[in-house]
Amino acid sequence: MGHYQDWIHQSQIEPDYEFIIGYQVPPYLGGKDELHNLEKIDMEVYWEL
């Protein structure tokens, strides 16, 4: 399973049309590509960043 499926399984939260699963700190800003660095984020906010 990838990080996305692992996060969904662990958190029991499904993304919807307004939210996505994204990085708390993106890898290009020094964040790790790890499960604990993912969170449910408002899609409009994520794309603005």
Protein backbone atom coordinates (compact mmCIF):
# COMPACT_ATOMS: atom_id res chain seq x y z
CA MET A 1 0.00 0.00 0.00
CA GLY A 2 1.14 3.55 -0.68
CA HIS A 3 1.15 6.42 1.80
CA TYR A 4 -2.29 7.58 0.61
CA GLN A 5 -3.99 4.25 1.30
CA ASP A 6 -2.07 3.82 4.57
CA TRP A 7 -3.21 7.25 5.76
CA ILE A 8 -6.85 6.54 4.82
CA HIS A 9 -6.70 3.19 6.64
CA GLN A 10 -5.02 4.62 9.74
CA SER A 11 -7.06 7.82 10.06
CA GLN A 12 -10.44 6.37 9.00
CA ILE A 13 -11.05 9.66 7.12
CA GLU A 14 -12.08 9.67 3.47
CA PRO A 15 -11.20 12.66 1.29
CA ASP A 16 -14.05 14.34 -0.57
CA TYR A 17 -14.48 16.95 -3.30
CA GLU A 18 -13.45 19.84 -1.06
CA PHE A 19 -10.53 18.21 0.70
CA ILE A 20 -7.43 16.27 -0.31
CA ILE A 21 -4.70 14.35 1.46
CA GLY A 22 -1.54 16.42 1.18
CA TYR A 23 1.78 17.09 2.84
CA GLN A 24 1.91 19.16 6.01
CA VAL A 25 5.40 20.23 4.89
CA PRO A 26 5.99 19.55 1.16
CA PRO A 27 9.16 17.62 0.27
CA TYR A 28 10.49 20.56 -1.75
CA LEU A 29 10.44 22.59 1.49
CA GLY A 30 12.26 19.91 3.47
CA GLY A 31 9.31 17.75 4.51
CA LYS A 32 9.63 14.00 4.59
CA ASP A 33 7.71 11.65 2.28
CA GLU A 34 6.33 9.80 5.29
CA LEU A 35 2.90 8.89 6.60
CA HIS A 36 3.01 11.25 9.59
CA ASN A 37 3.62 14.19 7.23
CA LEU A 38 0.19 13.79 5.56
CA GLU A 39 -3.04 15.52 6.55
CA LYS A 40 -6.51 16.32 5.25
CA ILE A 41 -6.34 19.79 3.65
CA ASP A 42 -8.86 22.10 2.02
CA MET A 43 -8.15 21.79 -1.72
CA GLU A 44 -8.34 25.55 -2.41
CA VAL A 45 -5.81 26.28 0.32
CA TYR A 46 -3.47 23.55 -0.90
CA TRP A 47 -3.45 24.85 -4.47
CA GLU A 48 -2.86 28.43 -3.30
CA LEU A 49 0.32 27.39 -1.52
